[in-house]
PDB file of N, CA and C in Angstrom:
ATOM      1  N   MET A   1      44.223 110.114  33.184  1.00  0.00           N
ATOM      2  CA  MET A   1      43.626 111.406  33.373  1.00  0.00           C
ATOM      3  C   MET A   1      42.213 111.369  33.691  1.00  0.00           C
ATOM      4  N   SER A   2      41.743 110.170  34.311  1.00  0.00           N
ATOM      5  CA  SER A   2      40.369 110.123  34.651  1.00  0.00           C
ATOM      6  C   SER A   2      40.318 110.750  36.019  1.00  0.00           C
ATOM      7  N   GLU A   3      41.262 110.800  36.782  1.00  0.00           N
ATOM      8  CA  GLU A   3      41.229 111.500  38.042  1.00  0.00           C
ATOM      9  C   GLU A   3      42.600 112.411  38.159  1.00  0.00           C
ATOM     10  N   PRO A   4      42.593 113.456  37.410  1.00  0.00           N
ATOM     11  CA  PRO A   4      43.850 114.209  37.418  1.00  0.00           C
ATOM     12  C   PRO A   4      44.329 114.860  38.719  1.00  0.00           C
ATOM     13  N   TYR A   5      43.396 115.109  39.460  1.00  0.00           N
ATOM     14  CA  TYR A   5      43.646 115.662  40.811  1.00  0.00           C
ATOM     15  C   TYR A   5      43.175 114.647  41.919  1.00  0.00           C
ATOM     16  N   LYS A   6      44.053 114.211  42.813  1.00  0.00           N
ATOM     17  CA  LYS A   6      43.803 113.119  43.678  1.00  0.00           C
ATOM     18  C   LYS A   6      42.749 113.434  44.750  1.00  0.00           C
ATOM     19  N   LYS A   7      41.659 112.662  44.674  1.00  0.00           N
ATOM     20  CA  LYS A   7      40.519 112.876  45.643  1.00  0.00           C
ATOM     21  C   LYS A   7      40.935 112.904  47.004  1.00  0.00           C
ATOM     22  N   GLU A   8      41.897 112.130  47.498  1.00  0.00           N
ATOM     23  CA  GLU A   8      42.276 111.983  48.830  1.00  0.00           C
ATOM     24  C   GLU A   8      42.937 113.299  49.286  1.00  0.00           C
ATOM     25  N   PHE A   9      43.648 114.031  48.347  1.00  0.00           N
ATOM     26  CA  PHE A   9      44.301 115.342  48.701  1.00  0.00           C
ATOM     27  C   PHE A   9      43.220 116.335  48.671  1.00  0.00           C
ATOM     28  N   ILE A  10      42.110 116.381  47.788  1.00  0.00           N
ATOM     29  CA  ILE A  10      41.186 117.323  47.751  1.00  0.00           C
ATOM     30  C   ILE A  10      40.433 117.296  49.189  1.00  0.00           C
ATOM     31  N   GLN A  11      40.192 116.007  49.569  1.00  0.00           N
ATOM     32  CA  GLN A  11      39.413 115.855  50.845  1.00  0.00           C
ATOM     33  C   GLN A  11      40.313 116.421  52.016  1.00  0.00           C
ATOM     34  N   LYS A  12      41.544 116.166  52.085  1.00  0.00           N
ATOM     35  CA  LYS A  12      42.513 116.666  53.073  1.00  0.00           C
ATOM     36  C   LYS A  12      42.430 118.201  53.083  1.00  0.00           C
ATOM     37  N   ALA A  13      42.468 118.752  51.859  1.00  0.00           N
ATOM     38  CA  ALA A  13      42.342 120.324  51.795  1.00  0.00           C
ATOM     39  C   ALA A  13      41.021 120.842  52.307  1.00  0.00           C
ATOM     40  N   ARG A  14      39.937 120.120  51.989  1.00  0.00           N
ATOM     41  CA  ARG A  14      38.592 120.512  52.556  1.00  0.00           C
ATOM     42  C   ARG A  14      38.620 120.341  54.033  1.00  0.00           C
ATOM     43  N   ASN A  15      39.244 119.383  54.570  1.00  0.00           N
ATOM     44  CA  ASN A  15      39.114 119.233  56.111  1.00  0.00           C
ATOM     45  C   ASN A  15      40.126 120.215  56.697  1.00  0.00           C
ATOM     46  N   ILE A  16      41.212 120.492  56.192  1.00  0.00           N
ATOM     47  CA  ILE A  16      42.188 121.534  56.709  1.00  0.00           C
ATOM     48  C   ILE A  16      41.588 122.964  56.583  1.00  0.00           C
ATOM     49  N   ALA A  17      41.024 123.232  55.576  1.00  0.00           N
ATOM     50  CA  ALA A  17      40.343 124.631  55.396  1.00  0.00           C
ATOM     51  C   ALA A  17      39.253 124.738  56.479  1.00  0.00           C
ATOM     52  N   LYS A  18      38.421 123.750  56.659  1.00  0.00           N
ATOM     53  CA  LYS A  18      37.412 123.814  57.612  1.00  0.00           C
ATOM     54  C   LYS A  18      37.879 123.953  58.972  1.00  0.00           C
ATOM     55  N   LYS A  19      38.952 123.282  59.319  1.00  0.00           N
ATOM     56  CA  LYS A  19      39.639 123.419  60.589  1.00  0.00           C
ATOM     57  C   LYS A  19      40.109 124.753  60.857  1.00  0.00           C
ATOM     58  N   LEU A  20      40.595 125.421  59.769  1.00  0.00           N
ATOM     59  CA  LEU A  20      41.347 126.752  59.885  1.00  0.00           C
ATOM     60  C   LEU A  20      40.276 127.838  59.672  1.00  0.00           C
ATOM     61  N   GLY A  21      39.021 127.491  59.417  1.00  0.00           N
ATOM     62  CA  GLY A  21      37.976 128.538  59.146  1.00  0.00           C
ATOM     63  C   GLY A  21      38.212 129.211  57.778  1.00  0.00           C
ATOM     64  N   ILE A  22      38.708 128.552  56.807  1.00  0.00           N
ATOM     65  CA  ILE A  22      38.956 129.054  55.468  1.00  0.00           C
ATOM     66  C   ILE A  22      37.852 128.643  54.494  1.00  0.00           C
ATOM     67  N   VAL A  23      37.135 129.526  53.825  1.00  0.00           N
ATOM     68  CA  VAL A  23      36.074 129.085  52.901  1.00  0.00           C
ATOM     69  C   VAL A  23      36.671 128.581  51.600  1.00  0.00           C
ATOM     70  N   LEU A  24      36.422 127.532  51.219  1.00  0.00           N
ATOM     71  CA  LEU A  24      36.878 127.001  49.802  1.00  0.00           C
ATOM     72  C   LEU A  24      35.731 126.879  48.908  1.00  0.00           C
ATOM     73  N   ARG A  25      35.834 127.042  47.653  1.00  0.00           N
ATOM     74  CA  ARG A  25      34.835 126.916  46.601  1.00  0.00           C
ATOM     75  C   ARG A  25      35.382 125.893  45.560  1.00  0.00           C
ATOM     76  N   GLU A  26      34.587 125.126  45.091  1.00  0.00           N
ATOM     77  CA  GLU A  26      35.035 124.191  44.089  1.00  0.00           C
ATOM     78  C   GLU A  26      34.342 124.490  42.821  1.00  0.00           C
ATOM     79  N   GLY A  27      34.909 124.159  41.675  1.00  0.00           N
ATOM     80  CA  GLY A  27      34.399 124.359  40.301  1.00  0.00           C
ATOM     81  C   GLY A  27      35.146 123.775  39.204  1.00  0.00           C
ATOM     82  N   VAL A  28      34.750 124.136  38.099  1.00  0.00           N
ATOM     83  CA  VAL A  28      35.526 123.761  36.867  1.00  0.00           C
ATOM     84  C   VAL A  28      36.547 124.727  36.409  1.00  0.00           C
ATOM     85  N   TYR A  29      37.751 124.402  36.486  1.00  0.00           N
ATOM     86  CA  TYR A  29      38.852 125.233  36.014  1.00  0.00           C
ATOM     87  C   TYR A  29      39.088 125.076  34.466  1.00  0.00           C
ATOM     88  N   TYR A  30      38.991 126.151  33.708  1.00  0.00           N
ATOM     89  CA  TYR A  30      39.101 126.037  32.276  1.00  0.00           C
ATOM     90  C   TYR A  30      40.468 126.650  31.978  1.00  0.00           C
ATOM     91  N   GLY A  31      41.347 125.785  31.435  1.00  0.00           N
ATOM     92  CA  GLY A  31      42.671 126.160  31.150  1.00  0.00           C
ATOM     93  C   GLY A  31      42.957 126.756  29.780  1.00  0.00           C
ATOM     94  N   VAL A  32      43.627 127.879  29.666  1.00  0.00           N
ATOM     95  CA  VAL A  32      43.984 128.396  28.398  1.00  0.00           C
ATOM     96  C   VAL A  32      45.557 128.657  28.462  1.00  0.00           C
ATOM     97  N   THR A  33      46.109 128.886  27.330  1.00  0.00           N
ATOM     98  CA  THR A  33      47.508 128.945  27.148  1.00  0.00           C
ATOM     99  C   THR A  33      48.114 130.279  27.544  1.00  0.00           C
ATOM    100  N   GLY A  34      47.278 131.475  27.418  1.00  0.00           N
ATOM    101  CA  GLY A  34      47.899 132.735  27.700  1.00  0.00           C
ATOM    102  C   GLY A  34      49.046 133.217  27.043  1.00  0.00           C
ATOM    103  N   PRO A  35      49.756 134.108  27.434  1.00  0.00           N
ATOM    104  CA  PRO A  35      49.559 134.950  28.632  1.00  0.00           C
ATOM    105  C   PRO A  35      48.835 136.177  28.164  1.00  0.00           C
ATOM    106  N   THR A  36      47.507 136.061  28.558  1.00  0.00           N
ATOM    107  CA  THR A  36      46.614 137.254  28.115  1.00  0.00           C
ATOM    108  C   THR A  36      45.431 137.193  29.184  1.00  0.00           C
ATOM    109  N   TYR A  37      44.817 138.313  29.259  1.00  0.00           N
ATOM    110  CA  TYR A  37      43.478 138.377  30.078  1.00  0.00           C
ATOM    111  C   TYR A  37      42.478 138.136  28.934  1.00  0.00           C
ATOM    112  N   GLU A  38      41.422 137.377  29.269  1.00  0.00           N
ATOM    113  CA  GLU A  38      40.445 137.021  28.284  1.00  0.00           C
ATOM    114  C   GLU A  38      39.613 138.242  28.007  1.00  0.00           C
ATOM    115  N   THR A  39      38.997 138.256  26.737  1.00  0.00           N
ATOM    116  CA  THR A  39      37.992 139.286  26.451  1.00  0.00           C
ATOM    117  C   THR A  39      36.710 139.035  27.084  1.00  0.00           C
ATOM    118  N   HIS A  40      35.754 140.044  27.117  1.00  0.00           N
ATOM    119  CA  HIS A  40      34.482 139.742  27.681  1.00  0.00           C
ATOM    120  C   HIS A  40      33.743 138.698  26.914  1.00  0.00           C
ATOM    121  N   ALA A  41      33.871 138.595  25.601  1.00  0.00           N
ATOM    122  CA  ALA A  41      33.232 137.545  24.902  1.00  0.00           C
ATOM    123  C   ALA A  41      33.841 136.159  25.288  1.00  0.00           C
ATOM    124  N   GLU A  42      35.115 136.078  25.446  1.00  0.00           N
ATOM    125  CA  GLU A  42      35.714 134.835  25.811  1.00  0.00           C
ATOM    126  C   GLU A  42      35.259 134.348  27.089  1.00  0.00           C
ATOM    127  N   TYR A  43      35.183 135.237  28.120  1.00  0.00           N
ATOM    128  CA  TYR A  43      34.604 134.917  29.396  1.00  0.00           C
ATOM    129  C   TYR A  43      33.197 134.308  29.223  1.00  0.00           C
ATOM    130  N   LYS A  44      32.427 134.978  28.499  1.00  0.00           N
ATOM    131  CA  LYS A  44      30.987 134.451  28.248  1.00  0.00           C
ATOM    132  C   LYS A  44      30.919 133.133  27.719  1.00  0.00           C
ATOM    133  N   LEU A  45      31.887 132.840  26.745  1.00  0.00           N
ATOM    134  CA  LEU A  45      31.944 131.523  26.050  1.00  0.00           C
ATOM    135  C   LEU A  45      32.511 130.490  27.008  1.00  0.00           C
ATOM    136  N   ILE A  46      33.414 130.849  27.815  1.00  0.00           N
ATOM    137  CA  ILE A  46      33.995 129.861  28.799  1.00  0.00           C
ATOM    138  C   ILE A  46      32.840 129.413  29.798  1.00  0.00           C
ATOM    139  N   HIS A  47      32.247 130.491  30.315  1.00  0.00           N
ATOM    140  CA  HIS A  47      31.064 130.245  31.219  1.00  0.00           C
ATOM    141  C   HIS A  47      29.980 129.417  30.529  1.00  0.00           C
ATOM    142  N   ALA A  48      29.551 129.629  29.326  1.00  0.00           N
ATOM    143  CA  ALA A  48      28.551 128.808  28.606  1.00  0.00           C
ATOM    144  C   ALA A  48      29.000 127.386  28.405  1.00  0.00           C
ATOM    145  N   LEU A  49      30.367 127.117  28.351  1.00  0.00           N
ATOM    146  CA  LEU A  49      30.866 125.801  28.199  1.00  0.00           C
ATOM    147  C   LEU A  49      31.042 125.056  29.564  1.00  0.00           C
ATOM    148  N   GLY A  50      30.584 125.787  30.677  1.00  0.00           N
ATOM    149  CA  GLY A  50      30.704 125.154  31.986  1.00  0.00           C
ATOM    150  C   GLY A  50      31.973 125.474  32.887  1.00  0.00           C
ATOM    151  N   GLY A  51      32.738 126.460  32.346  1.00  0.00           N
ATOM    152  CA  GLY A  51      33.793 126.913  33.186  1.00  0.00           C
ATOM    153  C   GLY A  51      33.506 127.782  34.256  1.00  0.00           C
ATOM    154  N   ASP A  52      33.943 127.582  35.447  1.00  0.00           N
ATOM    155  CA  ASP A  52      33.699 128.474  36.580  1.00  0.00           C
ATOM    156  C   ASP A  52      34.804 129.450  36.724  1.00  0.00           C
ATOM    157  N   ALA A  53      35.958 129.011  36.418  1.00  0.00           N
ATOM    158  CA  ALA A  53      37.161 129.871  36.496  1.00  0.00           C
ATOM    159  C   ALA A  53      38.127 129.572  35.307  1.00  0.00           C
ATOM    160  N   VAL A  54      38.960 130.545  34.993  1.00  0.00           N
ATOM    161  CA  VAL A  54      39.839 130.360  33.885  1.00  0.00           C
ATOM    162  C   VAL A  54      41.215 130.781  34.229  1.00  0.00           C
ATOM    163  N   GLY A  55      42.173 129.992  33.739  1.00  0.00           N
ATOM    164  CA  GLY A  55      43.481 130.355  34.263  1.00  0.00           C
ATOM    165  C   GLY A  55      44.578 129.923  33.035  1.00  0.00           C
ATOM    166  N   MET A  56      45.766 130.302  33.216  1.00  0.00           N
ATOM    167  CA  MET A  56      46.752 130.144  32.180  1.00  0.00           C
ATOM    168  C   MET A  56      47.851 129.035  32.727  1.00  0.00           C
ATOM    169  N   SER A  57      47.581 128.642  33.933  1.00  0.00           N
ATOM    170  CA  SER A  57      48.584 127.597  34.520  1.00  0.00           C
ATOM    171  C   SER A  57      47.781 126.420  35.014  1.00  0.00           C
ATOM    172  N   THR A  58      48.381 125.588  35.648  1.00  0.00           N
ATOM    173  CA  THR A  58      47.883 124.361  36.306  1.00  0.00           C
ATOM    174  C   THR A  58      47.464 123.113  35.392  1.00  0.00           C
ATOM    175  N   VAL A  59      46.787 123.386  34.392  1.00  0.00           N
ATOM    176  CA  VAL A  59      46.326 122.280  33.517  1.00  0.00           C
ATOM    177  C   VAL A  59      47.520 121.606  32.890  1.00  0.00           C
ATOM    178  N   GLN A  60      48.427 122.360  32.268  1.00  0.00           N
ATOM    179  CA  GLN A  60      49.613 121.788  31.557  1.00  0.00           C
ATOM    180  C   GLN A  60      50.452 121.076  32.649  1.00  0.00           C
ATOM    181  N   GLU A  61      50.719 121.614  33.704  1.00  0.00           N
ATOM    182  CA  GLU A  61      51.620 121.062  34.684  1.00  0.00           C
ATOM    183  C   GLU A  61      50.925 119.708  35.250  1.00  0.00           C
ATOM    184  N   CYS A  62      49.688 119.848  35.400  1.00  0.00           N
ATOM    185  CA  CYS A  62      48.888 118.641  35.914  1.00  0.00           C
ATOM    186  C   CYS A  62      49.026 117.449  34.932  1.00  0.00           C
ATOM    187  N   ILE A  63      48.964 117.843  33.616  1.00  0.00           N
ATOM    188  CA  ILE A  63      48.899 116.639  32.690  1.00  0.00           C
ATOM    189  C   ILE A  63      50.315 115.955  32.676  1.00  0.00           C
ATOM    190  N   VAL A  64      51.400 116.810  32.684  1.00  0.00           N
ATOM    191  CA  VAL A  64      52.750 116.275  32.787  1.00  0.00           C
ATOM    192  C   VAL A  64      53.028 115.494  34.007  1.00  0.00           C
ATOM    193  N   ALA A  65      52.688 116.154  35.167  1.00  0.00           N
ATOM    194  CA  ALA A  65      52.768 115.266  36.335  1.00  0.00           C
ATOM    195  C   ALA A  65      52.032 113.927  36.457  1.00  0.00           C
ATOM    196  N   ASN A  66      50.715 113.897  35.857  1.00  0.00           N
ATOM    197  CA  ASN A  66      50.135 112.710  35.853  1.00  0.00           C
ATOM    198  C   ASN A  66      50.851 111.694  34.929  1.00  0.00           C
ATOM    199  N   HIS A  67      51.317 112.089  33.790  1.00  0.00           N
ATOM    200  CA  HIS A  67      52.029 111.141  32.860  1.00  0.00           C
ATOM    201  C   HIS A  67      53.302 110.712  33.478  1.00  0.00           C
ATOM    202  N   MET A  68      53.815 111.366  34.456  1.00  0.00           N
ATOM    203  CA  MET A  68      55.053 111.009  35.242  1.00  0.00           C
ATOM    204  C   MET A  68      54.735 110.167  36.381  1.00  0.00           C
ATOM    205  N   GLY A  69      53.393 109.927  36.576  1.00  0.00           N
ATOM    206  CA  GLY A  69      52.958 109.101  37.706  1.00  0.00           C
ATOM    207  C   GLY A  69      52.896 109.827  39.010  1.00  0.00           C
ATOM    208  N   LEU A  70      52.957 111.082  39.125  1.00  0.00           N
ATOM    209  CA  LEU A  70      52.978 111.793  40.335  1.00  0.00           C
ATOM    210  C   LEU A  70      51.498 112.135  40.780  1.00  0.00           C
ATOM    211  N   PRO A  71      51.329 112.044  42.085  1.00  0.00           N
ATOM    212  CA  PRO A  71      49.953 112.361  42.575  1.00  0.00           C
ATOM    213  C   PRO A  71      49.860 113.961  42.572  1.00  0.00           C
ATOM    214  N   VAL A  72      48.838 114.519  42.089  1.00  0.00           N
ATOM    215  CA  VAL A  72      48.603 115.964  41.867  1.00  0.00           C
ATOM    216  C   VAL A  72      47.454 116.423  42.803  1.00  0.00           C
ATOM    217  N   PHE A  73      47.706 117.669  43.318  1.00  0.00           N
ATOM    218  CA  PHE A  73      46.765 118.486  43.985  1.00  0.00           C
ATOM    219  C   PHE A  73      46.972 119.847  43.624  1.00  0.00           C
ATOM    220  N   ALA A  74      45.961 120.825  43.401  1.00  0.00           N
ATOM    221  CA  ALA A  74      46.126 122.072  43.072  1.00  0.00           C
ATOM    222  C   ALA A  74      45.024 122.938  43.603  1.00  0.00           C
ATOM    223  N   MET A  75      45.318 124.208  43.868  1.00  0.00           N
ATOM    224  CA  MET A  75      44.341 125.162  44.271  1.00  0.00           C
ATOM    225  C   MET A  75      44.533 126.266  43.457  1.00  0.00           C
ATOM    226  N   SER A  76      43.495 127.118  43.265  1.00  0.00           N
ATOM    227  CA  SER A  76      43.556 128.328  42.532  1.00  0.00           C
ATOM    228  C   SER A  76      42.849 129.544  43.194  1.00  0.00           C
ATOM    229  N   VAL A  77      43.269 130.633  43.010  1.00  0.00           N
ATOM    230  CA  VAL A  77      42.621 131.918  43.586  1.00  0.00           C
ATOM    231  C   VAL A  77      42.069 132.578  42.413  1.00  0.00           C
ATOM    232  N   ILE A  78      40.804 133.124  42.567  1.00  0.00           N
ATOM    233  CA  ILE A  78      40.179 134.052  41.633  1.00  0.00           C
ATOM    234  C   ILE A  78      40.751 135.499  41.843  1.00  0.00           C
ATOM    235  N   THR A  79      41.556 135.766  40.884  1.00  0.00           N
ATOM    236  CA  THR A  79      42.244 137.032  40.919  1.00  0.00           C
ATOM    237  C   THR A  79      41.466 138.225  40.255  1.00  0.00           C
ATOM    238  N   ASP A  80      40.445 137.806  39.437  1.00  0.00           N
ATOM    239  CA  ASP A  80      39.615 138.820  38.832  1.00  0.00           C
ATOM    240  C   ASP A  80      38.375 138.187  38.486  1.00  0.00           C
ATOM    241  N   ILE A  81      37.267 139.011  38.494  1.00  0.00           N
ATOM    242  CA  ILE A  81      35.968 138.559  37.980  1.00  0.00           C
ATOM    243  C   ILE A  81      35.916 138.927  36.608  1.00  0.00           C
ATOM    244  N   GLY A  82      36.033 137.996  35.711  1.00  0.00           N
ATOM    245  CA  GLY A  82      36.145 138.303  34.224  1.00  0.00           C
ATOM    246  C   GLY A  82      34.987 139.062  33.676  1.00  0.00           C
ATOM    247  N   ILE A  83      33.778 138.647  34.058  1.00  0.00           N
ATOM    248  CA  ILE A  83      32.538 139.268  33.400  1.00  0.00           C
ATOM    249  C   ILE A  83      32.038 140.409  34.383  1.00  0.00           C
ATOM    250  N   ARG A  84      32.501 141.599  34.111  1.00  0.00           N
ATOM    251  CA  ARG A  84      32.030 142.732  34.928  1.00  0.00           C
ATOM    252  C   ARG A  84      30.841 143.456  34.202  1.00  0.00           C
ATOM    253  N   GLU A  85      29.977 143.733  35.035  1.00  0.00           N
ATOM    254  CA  GLU A  85      28.863 144.489  34.341  1.00  0.00           C
ATOM    255  C   GLU A  85      29.255 145.747  33.630  1.00  0.00           C
ATOM    256  N   ASP A  86      30.260 146.479  34.167  1.00  0.00           N
ATOM    257  CA  ASP A  86      30.562 147.756  33.416  1.00  0.00           C
ATOM    258  C   ASP A  86      31.689 147.493  32.440  1.00  0.00           C
ATOM    259  N   GLU A  87      32.082 146.265  32.193  1.00  0.00           N
ATOM    260  CA  GLU A  87      33.099 145.969  31.169  1.00  0.00           C
ATOM    261  C   GLU A  87      34.343 146.751  31.309  1.00  0.00           C
ATOM    262  N   THR A  88      34.762 147.043  32.524  1.00  0.00           N
ATOM    263  CA  THR A  88      36.031 147.813  32.479  1.00  0.00           C
ATOM    264  C   THR A  88      37.169 146.759  32.463  1.00  0.00           C
ATOM    265  N   ARG A  89      38.393 147.285  32.113  1.00  0.00           N
ATOM    266  CA  ARG A  89      39.516 146.502  31.953  1.00  0.00           C
ATOM    267  C   ARG A  89      39.989 146.004  33.406  1.00  0.00           C
ATOM    268  N   ILE A  90      40.587 144.805  33.280  1.00  0.00           N
ATOM    269  CA  ILE A  90      41.150 144.272  34.453  1.00  0.00           C
ATOM    270  C   ILE A  90      42.691 144.627  34.450  1.00  0.00           C
ATOM    271  N   THR A  91      43.129 145.199  35.562  1.00  0.00           N
ATOM    272  CA  THR A  91      44.617 145.564  35.579  1.00  0.00           C
ATOM    273  C   THR A  91      45.468 144.530  36.277  1.00  0.00           C
ATOM    274  N   HIS A  92      46.731 144.568  35.848  1.00  0.00           N
ATOM    275  CA  HIS A  92      47.596 143.507  36.504  1.00  0.00           C
ATOM    276  C   HIS A  92      47.643 143.891  37.938  1.00  0.00           C
ATOM    277  N   GLU A  93      47.610 145.029  38.380  1.00  0.00           N
ATOM    278  CA  GLU A  93      47.730 145.360  39.811  1.00  0.00           C
ATOM    279  C   GLU A  93      46.599 144.745  40.555  1.00  0.00           C
ATOM    280  N   GLU A  94      45.432 144.766  39.985  1.00  0.00           N
ATOM    281  CA  GLU A  94      44.248 144.134  40.668  1.00  0.00           C
ATOM    282  C   GLU A  94      44.411 142.600  40.800  1.00  0.00           C
ATOM    283  N   VAL A  95      45.026 142.006  39.889  1.00  0.00           N
ATOM    284  CA  VAL A  95      45.353 140.583  39.871  1.00  0.00           C
ATOM    285  C   VAL A  95      46.330 140.281  41.058  1.00  0.00           C
ATOM    286  N   LEU A  96      47.384 141.106  41.041  1.00  0.00           N
ATOM    287  CA  LEU A  96      48.459 140.950  42.116  1.00  0.00           C
ATOM    288  C   LEU A  96      47.899 141.202  43.479  1.00  0.00           C
ATOM    289  N   GLN A  97      47.085 142.160  43.695  1.00  0.00           N
ATOM    290  CA  GLN A  97      46.497 142.403  45.002  1.00  0.00           C
ATOM    291  C   GLN A  97      45.586 141.177  45.411  1.00  0.00           C
ATOM    292  N   ALA A  98      44.790 140.673  44.548  1.00  0.00           N
ATOM    293  CA  ALA A  98      43.881 139.589  44.969  1.00  0.00           C
ATOM    294  C   ALA A  98      44.815 138.376  45.435  1.00  0.00           C
ATOM    295  N   ALA A  99      45.989 138.149  44.719  1.00  0.00           N
ATOM    296  CA  ALA A  99      46.861 136.999  44.898  1.00  0.00           C
ATOM    297  C   ALA A  99      47.397 137.295  46.291  1.00  0.00           C
ATOM    298  N   ARG A 100      47.914 138.543  46.562  1.00  0.00           N
ATOM    299  CA  ARG A 100      48.529 138.805  47.946  1.00  0.00           C
ATOM    300  C   ARG A 100      47.471 138.458  48.995  1.00  0.00           C
ATOM    301  N   GLN A 101      46.302 138.936  48.878  1.00  0.00           N
ATOM    302  CA  GLN A 101      45.234 138.727  49.935  1.00  0.00           C
ATOM    303  C   GLN A 101      44.984 137.216  50.098  1.00  0.00           C
ATOM    304  N   ALA A 102      45.154 136.362  49.208  1.00  0.00           N
ATOM    305  CA  ALA A 102      44.796 134.892  49.210  1.00  0.00           C
ATOM    306  C   ALA A 102      46.064 134.184  49.762  1.00  0.00           C
ATOM    307  N   GLU A 103      47.255 134.786  49.657  1.00  0.00           N
ATOM    308  CA  GLU A 103      48.389 134.123  50.058  1.00  0.00           C
ATOM    309  C   GLU A 103      48.558 133.372  51.447  1.00  0.00           C
ATOM    310  N   PRO A 104      48.144 134.149  52.493  1.00  0.00           N
ATOM    311  CA  PRO A 104      48.127 133.554  53.762  1.00  0.00           C
ATOM    312  C   PRO A 104      47.354 132.248  53.930  1.00  0.00           C
ATOM    313  N   SER A 105      46.122 132.310  53.247  1.00  0.00           N
ATOM    314  CA  SER A 105      45.245 131.114  53.396  1.00  0.00           C
ATOM    315  C   SER A 105      45.872 129.979  52.629  1.00  0.00           C
ATOM    316  N   PHE A 106      46.339 130.352  51.517  1.00  0.00           N
ATOM    317  CA  PHE A 106      46.851 129.320  50.704  1.00  0.00           C
ATOM    318  C   PHE A 106      48.081 128.649  51.402  1.00  0.00           C
ATOM    319  N   ALA A 107      48.967 129.443  51.900  1.00  0.00           N
ATOM    320  CA  ALA A 107      50.094 128.878  52.630  1.00  0.00           C
ATOM    321  C   ALA A 107      49.687 128.061  53.782  1.00  0.00           C
ATOM    322  N   ALA A 108      48.727 128.542  54.514  1.00  0.00           N
ATOM    323  CA  ALA A 108      48.333 127.737  55.770  1.00  0.00           C
ATOM    324  C   ALA A 108      47.763 126.368  55.303  1.00  0.00           C
ATOM    325  N   ILE A 109      47.025 126.304  54.361  1.00  0.00           N
ATOM    326  CA  ILE A 109      46.550 124.994  53.791  1.00  0.00           C
ATOM    327  C   ILE A 109      47.564 124.123  53.318  1.00  0.00           C
ATOM    328  N   PHE A 110      48.512 124.640  52.656  1.00  0.00           N
ATOM    329  CA  PHE A 110      49.625 123.854  52.002  1.00  0.00           C
ATOM    330  C   PHE A 110      50.615 123.351  53.086  1.00  0.00           C
ATOM    331  N   ARG A 111      50.845 124.271  54.099  1.00  0.00           N
ATOM    332  CA  ARG A 111      51.708 123.770  55.181  1.00  0.00           C
ATOM    333  C   ARG A 111      51.073 122.578  55.880  1.00  0.00           C
ATOM    334  N   GLU A 112      49.825 122.567  56.224  1.00  0.00           N
ATOM    335  CA  GLU A 112      49.007 121.642  56.925  1.00  0.00           C
ATOM    336  C   GLU A 112      49.083 120.316  56.054  1.00  0.00           C
ATOM    337  N   MET A 113      48.880 120.496  54.764  1.00  0.00           N
ATOM    338  CA  MET A 113      48.840 119.395  53.773  1.00  0.00           C
ATOM    339  C   MET A 113      50.185 118.617  53.780  1.00  0.00           C
ATOM    340  N   VAL A 114      51.104 119.345  53.708  1.00  0.00           N
ATOM    341  CA  VAL A 114      52.610 118.841  53.640  1.00  0.00           C
ATOM    342  C   VAL A 114      52.777 118.009  55.059  1.00  0.00           C
ATOM    343  N   ALA A 115      52.353 118.713  56.015  1.00  0.00           N
ATOM    344  CA  ALA A 115      52.661 117.959  57.267  1.00  0.00           C
ATOM    345  C   ALA A 115      51.881 116.607  57.367  1.00  0.00           C
ATOM    346  N   GLU A 116      50.560 116.595  56.884  1.00  0.00           N
ATOM    347  CA  GLU A 116      49.777 115.480  56.950  1.00  0.00           C
ATOM    348  C   GLU A 116      50.344 114.314  55.899  1.00  0.00           C
ATOM    349  N   ILE A 117      50.864 114.681  54.745  1.00  0.00           N
ATOM    350  CA  ILE A 117      51.351 113.819  53.744  1.00  0.00           C
ATOM    351  C   ILE A 117      52.664 113.236  54.330  1.00  0.00           C
TER     352      ILE A 117
END
């Protein structure tokens, strides 16, 4: 688990995104078990611990795949900004809308990656 996500795949994704004009951001993914949205206090704690994004998937699957000897690559979309100034609730519809908006870019990157691999 010293390299859970294959660096060569990460570099491929960077190159593909650049070629397609897609902006990628990189950071620390903080995995939780869910299935819940985090509280305002939990988001603050995760941020204080160095997390840039929080999610309920990816980490567990990555661990299993690595233990099976499979090369792993993952991308995530930020579907909600957890710490809002007005502390309003995040709705499931907002999350789904953000995912729908990111879908074309994700699909394009993955199509290109599969073709290259």
